[in-house]
């Protein structure tokens, strides 16, 4: 657990450093000389300029089912992932999740119908439509770990594709499909490959 905490702290420090460095290097508009262009041309040159980096905050609800042992195991998760998005389409985020694993009675030696935990990890994303002002198609790769001492403990790695809009204001709805692999710390829990569906909002 100490090792997980140290890795998490290092990731947070790296993200903070990246954000500060990127924000410090934001584009600045060069002011043309008054004797070479008109005021109207100057206004046009400054319109539509995006910074190199900005704060982003996706939040989503995710539902999944175990492809290796359907339908005995399913998940219901809630995730928030503050981080930084870049003009070239890349993003770096720290997903923090509340995860619930739901099982049949007596399956995998669980007591009861469900077990819950929390995870923290690192997420890298790339928006294939980063030049579009209307749509977003983002591929995300994540990895992380649970941090509470419950029977439902695991490390995870996942890959997902999210599609949504960019032009609805601050909050933009998206839908996602993905795969998540769970490697358990608990010897009574089997490895799992989850097929996930998610719905959420990008906040910029």
N, C-alpha and C. Protein backbone atom coordinates (compact mmCIF):
# COMPACT_ATOMS: atom_id res chain seq x y z
N UNK A 1 0.82 -1.20 0.00
CA UNK A 1 0.00 0.00 0.00
C UNK A 1 0.86 1.26 0.00
N UNK A 2 2.00 1.20 0.73
CA UNK A 2 2.89 2.35 0.74
C UNK A 2 3.45 2.62 -0.64
N UNK A 3 3.76 1.51 -1.35
CA UNK A 3 4.32 1.67 -2.70
C UNK A 3 3.29 2.32 -3.62
N UNK A 4 2.02 1.90 -3.53
CA UNK A 4 0.97 2.51 -4.34
C UNK A 4 0.82 3.99 -4.04
N UNK A 5 0.88 4.34 -2.75
CA UNK A 5 0.76 5.74 -2.37
C UNK A 5 1.91 6.57 -2.92
N UNK A 6 3.13 6.02 -2.88
CA UNK A 6 4.29 6.75 -3.41
C UNK A 6 4.19 6.95 -4.91
N UNK A 7 3.74 5.89 -5.63
CA UNK A 7 3.59 6.00 -7.08
C UNK A 7 2.51 7.02 -7.43
N UNK A 8 1.44 7.03 -6.65
CA UNK A 8 0.37 8.00 -6.88
C UNK A 8 0.86 9.43 -6.66
N UNK A 9 1.61 9.64 -5.58
CA UNK A 9 2.15 10.97 -5.30
C UNK A 9 3.10 11.42 -6.40
N UNK A 10 3.92 10.50 -6.89
CA UNK A 10 4.86 10.84 -7.98
C UNK A 10 4.10 11.22 -9.24
N UNK A 11 3.03 10.48 -9.54
CA UNK A 11 2.23 10.79 -10.72
C UNK A 11 1.57 12.15 -10.61
N UNK A 12 1.07 12.47 -9.42
CA UNK A 12 0.45 13.78 -9.20
C UNK A 12 1.45 14.91 -9.35
N UNK A 13 2.66 14.72 -8.83
CA UNK A 13 3.69 15.73 -8.97
C UNK A 13 4.08 15.93 -10.43
N UNK A 14 4.18 14.80 -11.17
CA UNK A 14 4.51 14.89 -12.59
C UNK A 14 3.43 15.64 -13.35
N UNK A 15 2.16 15.34 -13.04
CA UNK A 15 1.06 16.02 -13.70
C UNK A 15 1.05 17.50 -13.40
N UNK A 16 1.29 17.84 -12.14
CA UNK A 16 1.31 19.26 -11.76
C UNK A 16 2.43 19.99 -12.48
N UNK A 17 3.61 19.37 -12.56
CA UNK A 17 4.73 20.00 -13.26
C UNK A 17 4.45 20.20 -14.73
N UNK A 18 3.81 19.18 -15.34
CA UNK A 18 3.45 19.28 -16.75
C UNK A 18 2.47 20.42 -16.99
N UNK A 19 1.47 20.52 -16.10
CA UNK A 19 0.46 21.56 -16.26
C UNK A 19 1.07 22.95 -16.14
N UNK A 20 1.91 23.15 -15.12
CA UNK A 20 2.54 24.46 -14.92
C UNK A 20 3.41 24.83 -16.10
N UNK A 21 4.20 23.87 -16.59
CA UNK A 21 5.09 24.13 -17.72
C UNK A 21 4.29 24.45 -18.99
N UNK A 22 3.20 23.67 -19.22
CA UNK A 22 2.41 23.90 -20.42
C UNK A 22 1.69 25.23 -20.37
N UNK A 23 1.13 25.57 -19.22
CA UNK A 23 0.42 26.83 -19.10
C UNK A 23 1.35 28.02 -19.21
N UNK A 24 2.59 27.84 -18.78
CA UNK A 24 3.57 28.93 -18.88
C UNK A 24 3.97 29.20 -20.31
N UNK A 25 3.75 28.19 -21.20
CA UNK A 25 4.16 28.33 -22.58
C UNK A 25 2.97 28.58 -23.51
N UNK A 26 1.84 29.03 -22.96
CA UNK A 26 0.65 29.32 -23.78
C UNK A 26 1.00 30.31 -24.88
N UNK A 27 0.31 30.13 -26.03
CA UNK A 27 0.53 31.03 -27.16
C UNK A 27 0.21 32.47 -26.79
N UNK A 28 0.99 33.39 -27.25
CA UNK A 28 0.69 34.82 -27.14
C UNK A 28 0.60 35.38 -28.53
N UNK A 29 -0.36 36.22 -28.75
CA UNK A 29 -0.58 36.79 -30.08
C UNK A 29 0.37 37.94 -30.33
N UNK A 30 1.07 37.90 -31.45
CA UNK A 30 1.96 38.98 -31.84
C UNK A 30 1.15 40.16 -32.34
N UNK A 31 1.39 41.32 -31.81
CA UNK A 31 0.64 42.52 -32.20
C UNK A 31 1.26 43.13 -33.44
N UNK A 32 0.53 43.19 -34.55
CA UNK A 32 1.08 43.77 -35.78
C UNK A 32 1.31 45.25 -35.64
N UNK A 33 2.19 45.79 -36.48
CA UNK A 33 2.44 47.22 -36.50
C UNK A 33 1.23 47.95 -37.07
N UNK A 34 0.93 49.11 -36.49
CA UNK A 34 -0.25 49.86 -36.91
C UNK A 34 -0.17 50.31 -38.35
N UNK A 35 1.08 50.52 -38.88
CA UNK A 35 1.20 51.04 -40.24
C UNK A 35 1.15 49.93 -41.28
N UNK A 36 1.00 48.66 -40.88
CA UNK A 36 0.98 47.58 -41.87
C UNK A 36 -0.37 46.90 -41.98
N UNK A 37 -1.20 46.93 -40.93
CA UNK A 37 -2.50 46.28 -40.99
C UNK A 37 -3.55 47.18 -40.36
N UNK A 38 -4.79 46.90 -40.66
CA UNK A 38 -5.89 47.66 -40.09
C UNK A 38 -6.31 47.04 -38.77
N UNK A 39 -7.14 47.79 -38.05
CA UNK A 39 -7.66 47.29 -36.77
C UNK A 39 -8.47 46.03 -36.98
N UNK A 40 -9.25 45.98 -38.06
CA UNK A 40 -10.09 44.80 -38.33
C UNK A 40 -9.22 43.58 -38.54
N UNK A 41 -8.09 43.74 -39.28
CA UNK A 41 -7.20 42.61 -39.51
C UNK A 41 -6.58 42.14 -38.21
N UNK A 42 -6.25 43.04 -37.32
CA UNK A 42 -5.67 42.67 -36.02
C UNK A 42 -6.66 41.86 -35.20
N UNK A 43 -7.94 42.28 -35.23
CA UNK A 43 -8.96 41.54 -34.50
C UNK A 43 -9.10 40.13 -35.04
N UNK A 44 -9.04 39.98 -36.38
CA UNK A 44 -9.16 38.65 -36.98
C UNK A 44 -8.00 37.76 -36.62
N UNK A 45 -6.81 38.34 -36.49
CA UNK A 45 -5.62 37.53 -36.21
C UNK A 45 -5.63 36.98 -34.80
N UNK A 46 -6.36 37.64 -33.90
CA UNK A 46 -6.38 37.17 -32.52
C UNK A 46 -7.55 36.23 -32.24
N UNK A 47 -8.51 36.16 -33.17
CA UNK A 47 -9.69 35.33 -32.94
C UNK A 47 -9.34 33.86 -33.12
N UNK A 48 -9.92 32.98 -32.27
CA UNK A 48 -9.80 31.54 -32.44
C UNK A 48 -8.48 30.95 -31.98
N UNK A 49 -7.63 31.71 -31.34
CA UNK A 49 -6.36 31.17 -30.88
C UNK A 49 -6.59 30.38 -29.59
N UNK A 50 -6.21 29.10 -29.60
CA UNK A 50 -6.37 28.27 -28.41
C UNK A 50 -5.05 28.19 -27.66
N UNK A 51 -5.09 28.08 -26.34
CA UNK A 51 -3.86 27.88 -25.57
C UNK A 51 -3.28 26.50 -25.85
N UNK A 52 -2.02 26.32 -25.50
CA UNK A 52 -1.39 25.02 -25.70
C UNK A 52 -1.91 23.97 -24.74
N UNK A 53 -2.39 24.39 -23.57
CA UNK A 53 -2.88 23.43 -22.57
C UNK A 53 -3.96 24.08 -21.72
N UNK A 54 -4.88 23.27 -21.23
CA UNK A 54 -5.93 23.77 -20.36
C UNK A 54 -6.40 22.65 -19.44
N UNK A 55 -7.03 23.04 -18.34
CA UNK A 55 -7.55 22.09 -17.36
C UNK A 55 -8.79 21.39 -17.92
N UNK A 56 -8.88 20.08 -17.72
CA UNK A 56 -10.07 19.33 -18.14
C UNK A 56 -10.48 18.39 -17.01
N UNK A 57 -11.79 18.04 -17.00
CA UNK A 57 -12.30 17.31 -15.85
C UNK A 57 -13.43 16.38 -16.30
N UNK A 58 -13.12 15.23 -16.91
CA UNK A 58 -14.18 14.29 -17.26
C UNK A 58 -14.72 13.56 -16.03
N UNK A 59 -16.00 13.26 -16.04
CA UNK A 59 -16.61 12.41 -15.03
C UNK A 59 -17.57 11.46 -15.73
N UNK A 60 -17.61 10.20 -15.29
CA UNK A 60 -18.43 9.23 -16.00
C UNK A 60 -18.95 8.13 -15.07
N UNK A 61 -20.02 7.49 -15.52
CA UNK A 61 -20.53 6.26 -14.91
C UNK A 61 -20.24 5.13 -15.88
N UNK A 62 -19.69 4.04 -15.36
CA UNK A 62 -19.28 2.91 -16.21
C UNK A 62 -19.93 1.62 -15.72
N UNK A 63 -20.45 0.85 -16.66
CA UNK A 63 -21.05 -0.45 -16.36
C UNK A 63 -20.32 -1.51 -17.16
N UNK A 64 -20.02 -2.65 -16.54
CA UNK A 64 -19.26 -3.67 -17.24
C UNK A 64 -19.68 -5.07 -16.85
N UNK A 65 -19.30 -6.03 -17.68
CA UNK A 65 -19.57 -7.43 -17.40
C UNK A 65 -18.34 -8.26 -17.76
N UNK A 66 -18.12 -9.33 -17.02
CA UNK A 66 -16.93 -10.16 -17.19
C UNK A 66 -17.08 -11.04 -18.43
N UNK A 67 -16.21 -10.84 -19.42
CA UNK A 67 -16.26 -11.63 -20.64
C UNK A 67 -15.75 -13.05 -20.42
N UNK A 68 -14.94 -13.26 -19.36
CA UNK A 68 -14.37 -14.59 -19.10
C UNK A 68 -15.33 -15.47 -18.30
N UNK A 69 -16.30 -14.86 -17.62
CA UNK A 69 -17.20 -15.64 -16.77
C UNK A 69 -18.58 -15.00 -16.74
N UNK A 70 -19.10 -14.66 -17.91
CA UNK A 70 -20.43 -14.06 -18.00
C UNK A 70 -21.49 -15.09 -17.60
N UNK A 71 -22.55 -14.72 -16.86
CA UNK A 71 -22.89 -13.40 -16.33
C UNK A 71 -22.69 -13.31 -14.82
N UNK A 72 -21.75 -14.07 -14.27
CA UNK A 72 -21.64 -14.18 -12.82
C UNK A 72 -21.02 -12.95 -12.16
N UNK A 73 -20.34 -12.11 -12.92
CA UNK A 73 -19.68 -10.95 -12.32
C UNK A 73 -19.93 -9.72 -13.17
N UNK A 74 -20.27 -8.61 -12.53
CA UNK A 74 -20.51 -7.35 -13.23
C UNK A 74 -19.99 -6.21 -12.36
N UNK A 75 -19.79 -5.05 -12.95
CA UNK A 75 -19.27 -3.90 -12.21
C UNK A 75 -20.12 -2.67 -12.48
N UNK A 76 -20.11 -1.76 -11.51
CA UNK A 76 -20.73 -0.45 -11.64
C UNK A 76 -19.78 0.54 -10.98
N UNK A 77 -19.26 1.48 -11.76
CA UNK A 77 -18.20 2.37 -11.28
C UNK A 77 -18.54 3.83 -11.57
N UNK A 78 -18.00 4.70 -10.73
CA UNK A 78 -18.09 6.15 -10.96
C UNK A 78 -16.69 6.72 -10.92
N UNK A 79 -16.35 7.51 -11.92
CA UNK A 79 -14.98 8.01 -12.07
C UNK A 79 -14.97 9.52 -12.28
N UNK A 80 -13.99 10.20 -11.66
CA UNK A 80 -13.66 11.58 -11.96
C UNK A 80 -12.16 11.60 -12.30
N UNK A 81 -11.78 12.40 -13.28
CA UNK A 81 -10.40 12.35 -13.76
C UNK A 81 -9.87 13.75 -14.08
N UNK A 82 -9.50 14.54 -13.08
CA UNK A 82 -8.92 15.86 -13.35
C UNK A 82 -7.57 15.73 -14.03
N UNK A 83 -7.28 16.68 -14.91
CA UNK A 83 -6.00 16.63 -15.60
C UNK A 83 -5.82 17.78 -16.56
N UNK A 84 -4.96 17.59 -17.53
CA UNK A 84 -4.59 18.63 -18.50
C UNK A 84 -4.78 18.09 -19.90
N UNK A 85 -5.44 18.89 -20.77
CA UNK A 85 -5.56 18.58 -22.19
C UNK A 85 -4.68 19.54 -22.99
N UNK A 86 -4.12 19.04 -24.08
CA UNK A 86 -3.21 19.83 -24.91
C UNK A 86 -3.82 20.06 -26.29
N UNK A 87 -3.38 21.12 -26.95
CA UNK A 87 -3.92 21.51 -28.25
C UNK A 87 -3.67 20.45 -29.32
N UNK A 88 -2.62 19.66 -29.18
CA UNK A 88 -2.33 18.63 -30.18
C UNK A 88 -3.18 17.38 -30.02
N UNK A 89 -4.13 17.38 -29.07
CA UNK A 89 -5.03 16.25 -28.90
C UNK A 89 -4.70 15.35 -27.74
N UNK A 90 -3.52 15.48 -27.14
CA UNK A 90 -3.12 14.63 -26.03
C UNK A 90 -3.74 15.13 -24.72
N UNK A 91 -3.88 14.22 -23.76
CA UNK A 91 -4.33 14.59 -22.42
C UNK A 91 -3.66 13.68 -21.40
N UNK A 92 -3.45 14.21 -20.20
CA UNK A 92 -2.91 13.45 -19.06
C UNK A 92 -3.84 13.71 -17.89
N UNK A 93 -4.36 12.63 -17.26
CA UNK A 93 -5.31 12.79 -16.18
C UNK A 93 -5.05 11.79 -15.07
N UNK A 94 -5.60 12.08 -13.90
CA UNK A 94 -5.51 11.21 -12.74
C UNK A 94 -6.93 10.71 -12.41
N UNK A 95 -7.32 9.52 -12.90
CA UNK A 95 -8.67 9.03 -12.59
C UNK A 95 -8.77 8.50 -11.16
N UNK A 96 -9.78 8.97 -10.45
CA UNK A 96 -10.10 8.49 -9.11
C UNK A 96 -11.50 7.89 -9.19
N UNK A 97 -11.66 6.63 -8.74
CA UNK A 97 -12.90 5.92 -8.99
C UNK A 97 -13.47 5.30 -7.72
N UNK A 98 -14.78 5.22 -7.68
CA UNK A 98 -15.49 4.37 -6.72
C UNK A 98 -15.99 3.17 -7.50
N UNK A 99 -15.52 1.97 -7.14
CA UNK A 99 -15.81 0.77 -7.93
C UNK A 99 -16.61 -0.23 -7.09
N UNK A 100 -17.58 -0.87 -7.74
CA UNK A 100 -18.41 -1.88 -7.09
C UNK A 100 -18.40 -3.13 -7.96
N UNK A 101 -18.01 -4.26 -7.37
CA UNK A 101 -18.08 -5.55 -8.05
C UNK A 101 -19.29 -6.31 -7.55
N UNK A 102 -20.15 -6.75 -8.47
CA UNK A 102 -21.39 -7.43 -8.11
C UNK A 102 -21.32 -8.88 -8.54
N UNK A 103 -21.65 -9.80 -7.63
CA UNK A 103 -21.51 -11.23 -7.89
C UNK A 103 -22.77 -11.99 -7.49
N UNK A 104 -22.81 -13.25 -7.92
CA UNK A 104 -23.84 -14.17 -7.45
C UNK A 104 -23.49 -14.62 -6.03
N UNK A 105 -24.44 -15.10 -5.29
CA UNK A 105 -24.22 -15.58 -3.93
C UNK A 105 -23.21 -16.73 -3.94
N UNK A 106 -22.22 -16.65 -3.05
CA UNK A 106 -21.18 -17.68 -2.87
C UNK A 106 -20.23 -17.79 -4.06
N UNK A 107 -20.28 -16.87 -5.00
CA UNK A 107 -19.36 -16.92 -6.13
C UNK A 107 -18.00 -16.37 -5.72
N UNK A 108 -16.94 -17.08 -6.01
CA UNK A 108 -15.56 -16.66 -5.69
C UNK A 108 -15.37 -16.39 -4.19
N UNK A 109 -16.14 -17.09 -3.37
CA UNK A 109 -16.02 -16.98 -1.92
C UNK A 109 -16.35 -15.58 -1.39
N UNK A 110 -17.07 -14.77 -2.17
CA UNK A 110 -17.52 -13.49 -1.64
C UNK A 110 -18.62 -13.71 -0.62
N UNK A 111 -18.67 -12.85 0.37
CA UNK A 111 -19.78 -12.86 1.31
C UNK A 111 -20.77 -11.78 0.91
N UNK A 112 -21.92 -12.19 0.40
CA UNK A 112 -22.90 -11.21 -0.04
C UNK A 112 -22.89 -11.04 -1.54
N UNK A 113 -23.60 -10.01 -2.00
CA UNK A 113 -23.81 -9.81 -3.42
C UNK A 113 -22.84 -8.83 -4.06
N UNK A 114 -22.15 -8.04 -3.27
CA UNK A 114 -21.25 -7.06 -3.89
C UNK A 114 -20.12 -6.71 -2.92
N UNK A 115 -19.05 -6.12 -3.50
CA UNK A 115 -17.94 -5.61 -2.72
C UNK A 115 -17.48 -4.32 -3.38
N UNK A 116 -17.05 -3.35 -2.57
CA UNK A 116 -16.69 -2.04 -3.12
C UNK A 116 -15.26 -1.67 -2.73
N UNK A 117 -14.70 -0.73 -3.46
CA UNK A 117 -13.37 -0.24 -3.20
C UNK A 117 -13.21 1.09 -3.93
N UNK A 118 -12.00 1.65 -3.88
CA UNK A 118 -11.67 2.85 -4.64
C UNK A 118 -10.38 2.61 -5.39
N UNK A 119 -10.21 3.27 -6.52
CA UNK A 119 -8.98 3.14 -7.30
C UNK A 119 -8.41 4.52 -7.60
N UNK A 120 -7.12 4.56 -7.86
CA UNK A 120 -6.46 5.76 -8.36
C UNK A 120 -5.45 5.31 -9.41
N UNK A 121 -5.26 6.10 -10.45
CA UNK A 121 -4.37 5.67 -11.53
C UNK A 121 -3.91 6.82 -12.38
N UNK A 122 -3.44 6.48 -13.58
CA UNK A 122 -2.95 7.45 -14.56
C UNK A 122 -3.62 7.16 -15.89
N UNK A 123 -4.12 8.20 -16.55
CA UNK A 123 -4.83 8.07 -17.82
C UNK A 123 -4.16 8.92 -18.88
N UNK A 124 -3.91 8.32 -20.05
CA UNK A 124 -3.40 9.04 -21.20
C UNK A 124 -4.44 8.97 -22.31
N UNK A 125 -4.72 10.10 -22.94
CA UNK A 125 -5.73 10.13 -23.99
C UNK A 125 -5.25 10.85 -25.23
N UNK A 126 -5.89 10.54 -26.37
CA UNK A 126 -5.60 11.25 -27.61
C UNK A 126 -6.90 11.47 -28.37
N UNK A 127 -7.18 12.71 -28.70
CA UNK A 127 -8.37 13.10 -29.45
C UNK A 127 -8.04 13.11 -30.94
N UNK A 128 -8.60 12.14 -31.69
CA UNK A 128 -8.33 12.05 -33.12
C UNK A 128 -8.95 13.22 -33.89
N UNK A 129 -9.95 13.88 -33.29
CA UNK A 129 -10.62 14.99 -33.95
C UNK A 129 -10.24 16.32 -33.28
N UNK A 130 -8.99 16.44 -32.87
CA UNK A 130 -8.58 17.62 -32.11
C UNK A 130 -8.68 18.91 -32.93
N UNK A 131 -8.70 18.82 -34.25
CA UNK A 131 -8.84 20.03 -35.08
C UNK A 131 -10.30 20.43 -35.29
N UNK A 132 -11.22 19.57 -34.87
CA UNK A 132 -12.64 19.86 -35.03
C UNK A 132 -13.15 20.70 -33.86
N UNK A 133 -14.05 21.63 -34.16
CA UNK A 133 -14.68 22.44 -33.11
C UNK A 133 -16.02 21.86 -32.67
N UNK A 134 -16.43 20.73 -33.27
CA UNK A 134 -17.77 20.20 -33.00
C UNK A 134 -17.75 18.82 -32.33
N UNK A 135 -16.79 17.96 -32.69
CA UNK A 135 -16.82 16.58 -32.22
C UNK A 135 -15.49 16.17 -31.61
N UNK A 136 -15.56 15.14 -30.76
CA UNK A 136 -14.39 14.60 -30.09
C UNK A 136 -14.43 13.08 -30.16
N UNK A 137 -13.33 12.47 -30.58
CA UNK A 137 -13.18 11.01 -30.59
C UNK A 137 -11.86 10.70 -29.89
N UNK A 138 -11.95 10.27 -28.64
CA UNK A 138 -10.76 10.16 -27.80
C UNK A 138 -10.47 8.71 -27.43
N UNK A 139 -9.23 8.27 -27.69
CA UNK A 139 -8.75 6.96 -27.27
C UNK A 139 -8.03 7.13 -25.94
N UNK A 140 -8.40 6.31 -24.95
CA UNK A 140 -7.85 6.43 -23.61
C UNK A 140 -7.21 5.12 -23.17
N UNK A 141 -6.02 5.21 -22.58
CA UNK A 141 -5.36 4.06 -21.95
C UNK A 141 -5.10 4.42 -20.50
N UNK A 142 -5.48 3.52 -19.58
CA UNK A 142 -5.37 3.79 -18.15
C UNK A 142 -4.76 2.60 -17.42
N UNK A 143 -4.18 2.90 -16.28
CA UNK A 143 -3.70 1.86 -15.38
C UNK A 143 -3.74 2.37 -13.96
N UNK A 144 -4.00 1.48 -13.00
CA UNK A 144 -4.07 1.91 -11.62
C UNK A 144 -4.30 0.76 -10.67
N UNK A 145 -4.71 1.09 -9.45
CA UNK A 145 -4.84 0.08 -8.40
C UNK A 145 -5.89 0.52 -7.38
N UNK A 146 -6.51 -0.48 -6.72
CA UNK A 146 -7.34 -0.19 -5.56
C UNK A 146 -6.43 0.16 -4.39
N UNK A 147 -7.00 0.83 -3.37
CA UNK A 147 -6.18 1.25 -2.23
C UNK A 147 -6.79 0.92 -0.87
N UNK A 148 -8.00 0.35 -0.84
CA UNK A 148 -8.61 -0.04 0.42
C UNK A 148 -8.44 -1.55 0.66
N UNK A 149 -8.32 -1.94 1.92
CA UNK A 149 -8.13 -3.35 2.25
C UNK A 149 -9.48 -4.04 2.37
N UNK A 150 -10.06 -4.39 1.23
CA UNK A 150 -11.30 -5.15 1.18
C UNK A 150 -11.06 -6.41 0.35
N UNK A 151 -12.00 -7.36 0.32
CA UNK A 151 -11.83 -8.54 -0.54
C UNK A 151 -11.74 -8.20 -2.02
N UNK A 152 -12.27 -7.04 -2.39
CA UNK A 152 -12.29 -6.61 -3.79
C UNK A 152 -11.08 -5.71 -4.04
N UNK A 153 -9.92 -6.35 -4.29
CA UNK A 153 -8.67 -5.62 -4.48
C UNK A 153 -8.01 -6.08 -5.77
N UNK A 154 -7.50 -5.13 -6.55
CA UNK A 154 -6.93 -5.50 -7.85
C UNK A 154 -6.11 -4.35 -8.42
N UNK A 155 -5.26 -4.69 -9.38
CA UNK A 155 -4.65 -3.71 -10.28
C UNK A 155 -5.41 -3.80 -11.60
N UNK A 156 -5.45 -2.70 -12.34
CA UNK A 156 -6.21 -2.72 -13.59
C UNK A 156 -5.45 -2.05 -14.72
N UNK A 157 -5.80 -2.43 -15.92
CA UNK A 157 -5.35 -1.75 -17.14
C UNK A 157 -6.53 -1.74 -18.09
N UNK A 158 -6.78 -0.61 -18.74
CA UNK A 158 -7.92 -0.58 -19.66
C UNK A 158 -7.65 0.28 -20.88
N UNK A 159 -8.48 0.05 -21.89
CA UNK A 159 -8.43 0.78 -23.14
C UNK A 159 -9.86 1.10 -23.53
N UNK A 160 -10.14 2.36 -23.85
CA UNK A 160 -11.51 2.74 -24.18
C UNK A 160 -11.51 3.79 -25.28
N UNK A 161 -12.65 3.86 -25.98
CA UNK A 161 -12.85 4.85 -27.04
C UNK A 161 -14.11 5.64 -26.69
N UNK A 162 -13.98 6.99 -26.67
CA UNK A 162 -15.08 7.84 -26.24
C UNK A 162 -15.42 8.83 -27.34
N UNK A 163 -16.72 8.96 -27.60
CA UNK A 163 -17.18 9.86 -28.66
C UNK A 163 -18.19 10.84 -28.08
N UNK A 164 -18.02 12.12 -28.39
CA UNK A 164 -18.95 13.12 -27.89
C UNK A 164 -18.78 14.44 -28.62
N UNK A 165 -19.48 15.46 -28.13
CA UNK A 165 -19.47 16.77 -28.78
C UNK A 165 -18.53 17.72 -28.05
N UNK A 166 -18.19 18.83 -28.74
CA UNK A 166 -17.37 19.88 -28.16
C UNK A 166 -18.10 21.22 -28.09
N UNK A 167 -19.27 21.30 -28.71
CA UNK A 167 -19.86 22.61 -28.96
C UNK A 167 -21.12 22.89 -28.13
N UNK A 168 -21.29 22.19 -27.01
CA UNK A 168 -22.49 22.40 -26.19
C UNK A 168 -22.22 23.27 -24.98
N UNK A 169 -21.10 23.96 -24.95
CA UNK A 169 -20.75 24.78 -23.80
C UNK A 169 -19.66 24.13 -22.97
N UNK A 170 -19.69 24.38 -21.67
CA UNK A 170 -18.64 23.88 -20.79
C UNK A 170 -18.72 22.37 -20.63
N UNK A 171 -19.95 21.82 -20.51
CA UNK A 171 -20.13 20.40 -20.28
C UNK A 171 -20.56 19.72 -21.57
N UNK A 172 -19.80 18.71 -21.99
CA UNK A 172 -20.04 18.04 -23.25
C UNK A 172 -20.26 16.55 -23.02
N UNK A 173 -21.41 16.05 -23.43
CA UNK A 173 -21.77 14.66 -23.22
C UNK A 173 -20.95 13.73 -24.11
N UNK A 174 -20.60 12.55 -23.59
CA UNK A 174 -19.93 11.54 -24.41
C UNK A 174 -20.39 10.14 -24.01
N UNK A 175 -20.17 9.21 -24.94
CA UNK A 175 -20.42 7.79 -24.72
C UNK A 175 -19.13 7.04 -24.99
N UNK A 176 -18.93 5.92 -24.29
CA UNK A 176 -17.68 5.19 -24.47
C UNK A 176 -17.87 3.68 -24.41
N UNK A 177 -16.97 2.97 -25.10
CA UNK A 177 -16.88 1.52 -25.05
C UNK A 177 -15.44 1.15 -24.75
N UNK A 178 -15.23 0.08 -23.98
CA UNK A 178 -13.85 -0.27 -23.67
C UNK A 178 -13.70 -1.64 -23.04
N UNK A 179 -12.45 -2.01 -22.83
CA UNK A 179 -12.07 -3.26 -22.17
C UNK A 179 -11.23 -2.93 -20.95
N UNK A 180 -11.45 -3.66 -19.85
CA UNK A 180 -10.66 -3.48 -18.63
C UNK A 180 -10.23 -4.84 -18.11
N UNK A 181 -8.93 -4.97 -17.87
CA UNK A 181 -8.39 -6.21 -17.31
C UNK A 181 -8.13 -5.99 -15.82
N UNK A 182 -8.64 -6.90 -14.98
CA UNK A 182 -8.45 -6.84 -13.54
C UNK A 182 -7.52 -7.97 -13.11
N UNK A 183 -6.41 -7.60 -12.45
CA UNK A 183 -5.47 -8.58 -11.90
C UNK A 183 -5.62 -8.53 -10.38
N UNK A 184 -6.20 -9.57 -9.76
CA UNK A 184 -6.57 -9.49 -8.34
C UNK A 184 -5.37 -9.61 -7.40
N UNK A 185 -5.46 -8.92 -6.26
CA UNK A 185 -4.53 -9.12 -5.15
C UNK A 185 -5.04 -10.23 -4.23
N UNK A 186 -6.36 -10.40 -4.19
CA UNK A 186 -6.99 -11.41 -3.35
C UNK A 186 -6.91 -12.77 -4.06
N UNK A 187 -6.29 -13.80 -3.46
CA UNK A 187 -6.17 -15.10 -4.13
C UNK A 187 -7.51 -15.77 -4.40
N UNK A 188 -8.56 -15.34 -3.71
CA UNK A 188 -9.89 -15.93 -3.94
C UNK A 188 -10.62 -15.30 -5.11
N UNK A 189 -10.03 -14.27 -5.68
CA UNK A 189 -10.66 -13.58 -6.81
C UNK A 189 -9.94 -13.94 -8.09
N UNK A 190 -10.68 -14.32 -9.13
CA UNK A 190 -10.08 -14.72 -10.40
C UNK A 190 -9.79 -13.49 -11.27
N UNK A 191 -8.90 -13.67 -12.24
CA UNK A 191 -8.64 -12.61 -13.21
C UNK A 191 -9.90 -12.34 -14.02
N UNK A 192 -10.07 -11.08 -14.43
CA UNK A 192 -11.29 -10.72 -15.13
C UNK A 192 -10.99 -9.79 -16.31
N UNK A 193 -11.72 -10.01 -17.38
CA UNK A 193 -11.66 -9.14 -18.55
C UNK A 193 -13.05 -8.56 -18.75
N UNK A 194 -13.18 -7.27 -18.49
CA UNK A 194 -14.48 -6.62 -18.49
C UNK A 194 -14.74 -5.90 -19.81
N UNK A 195 -15.95 -6.06 -20.33
CA UNK A 195 -16.43 -5.22 -21.43
C UNK A 195 -17.27 -4.11 -20.82
N UNK A 196 -16.91 -2.84 -21.08
CA UNK A 196 -17.52 -1.71 -20.40
C UNK A 196 -18.26 -0.78 -21.35
N UNK A 197 -19.35 -0.24 -20.84
CA UNK A 197 -20.06 0.85 -21.50
C UNK A 197 -20.08 2.03 -20.53
N UNK A 198 -19.80 3.21 -21.01
CA UNK A 198 -19.75 4.39 -20.13
C UNK A 198 -20.51 5.55 -20.74
N UNK A 199 -21.00 6.41 -19.87
CA UNK A 199 -21.62 7.67 -20.27
C UNK A 199 -21.13 8.74 -19.31
N UNK A 200 -20.77 9.90 -19.84
CA UNK A 200 -20.21 10.92 -18.96
C UNK A 200 -20.19 12.29 -19.61
N UNK A 201 -19.46 13.20 -18.95
CA UNK A 201 -19.33 14.58 -19.41
C UNK A 201 -17.87 14.99 -19.38
N UNK A 202 -17.43 15.67 -20.44
CA UNK A 202 -16.15 16.38 -20.41
C UNK A 202 -16.42 17.79 -19.92
N UNK A 203 -15.69 18.25 -18.94
CA UNK A 203 -15.79 19.63 -18.48
C UNK A 203 -14.47 20.33 -18.77
N UNK A 204 -14.52 21.47 -19.49
CA UNK A 204 -13.31 22.16 -19.91
C UNK A 204 -13.28 23.58 -19.33
